[in-house]
Amino acid sequence: DPKDLDGVSNYILSVASSKDAAKPAALLYYIDSLSYMTYQGESKYNHIQPAQVEWYRNESTRLREANGGTALPALAFFHIPLPEYNQVWESGKSIGVKQEDVCNSPVNSGLFDVMVEMGDVMGVFCGHDHTNDYIGELEGIYLAYGRGSGYGTYGKEGFSRGARVIELVEGERAFKTWLRLRTGEKVEQLPKQD
C-alpha cells in the first residue's frame, strides 16, 4: 500500500500462472474509493483521487514492461461505483437487476478512461448499492456489482443475499462470473468474451 496515496487500501495482487508460480498470469487491482467529501457545500460520496489514478497508470505501465510489453489481464475492485455504471445500465445491454440509483461520486475521476487507455483491466467490480447486481460491458471493460452478502446492513425483501463469483481464464484475456445466492441457487451472468 503506497504511503503517499489517498486511502488505506491501494494495492495489487499478482495471480501466479499454474504452469510457473514465479510468472504472473493476471493482476488484481484494489483501489480505495474513500468515503465522503464536501461537494458544493454538501456531503457527497468521494471519488478516486488523481494521485490514485496516476498510481494505477504507472503500475499498469510498469507491469506491462515487466511482461515484455504485453498487458497482463487484470480486474479492479473498489467499493463506490464509477459514474460509468450509469452508462452501462442505460445502454440496455446489462444482465442482472438495478433496484436503486447508482450512488457514485458527483466527480468523475477519469479512472475508467485511463483503464480503457491502458488496456489491461477487463472487469471492474464494486459494491455500495446493495440491491443492484448487474454487469454490462462498456468500451471493452465489464462493470459489475457484487451482491449484498451480509445482514449487518440494508437489503430488500425478496432479494436474496449472495455473492459474485469470478473465475479467471488462464492464458486468455477472459473471465467468467456468476452469482451464488444464499439459497444455493447459481445465477448465470457470463460475459461474452472475444
Foldseek 3Di string as FASTA:
>chain_A
DDPPAPDDDWDKDFDADPVDRVHGQEMETEAEQDAWDQDPNDIAGGGHALVSLVVVLVVQVVVCVVVVNHGHAYEYEYAQDAPCVVVQVVVVAKPWDDPDDRRHGPDHNCSVVSCLVSVRYAEYEYEHRAATFIWGDDSRHIYGYWHAADDPDDDDVPRFHWTKDKADDGPDSAIFIWIQGPVRDIGGDGDDDD
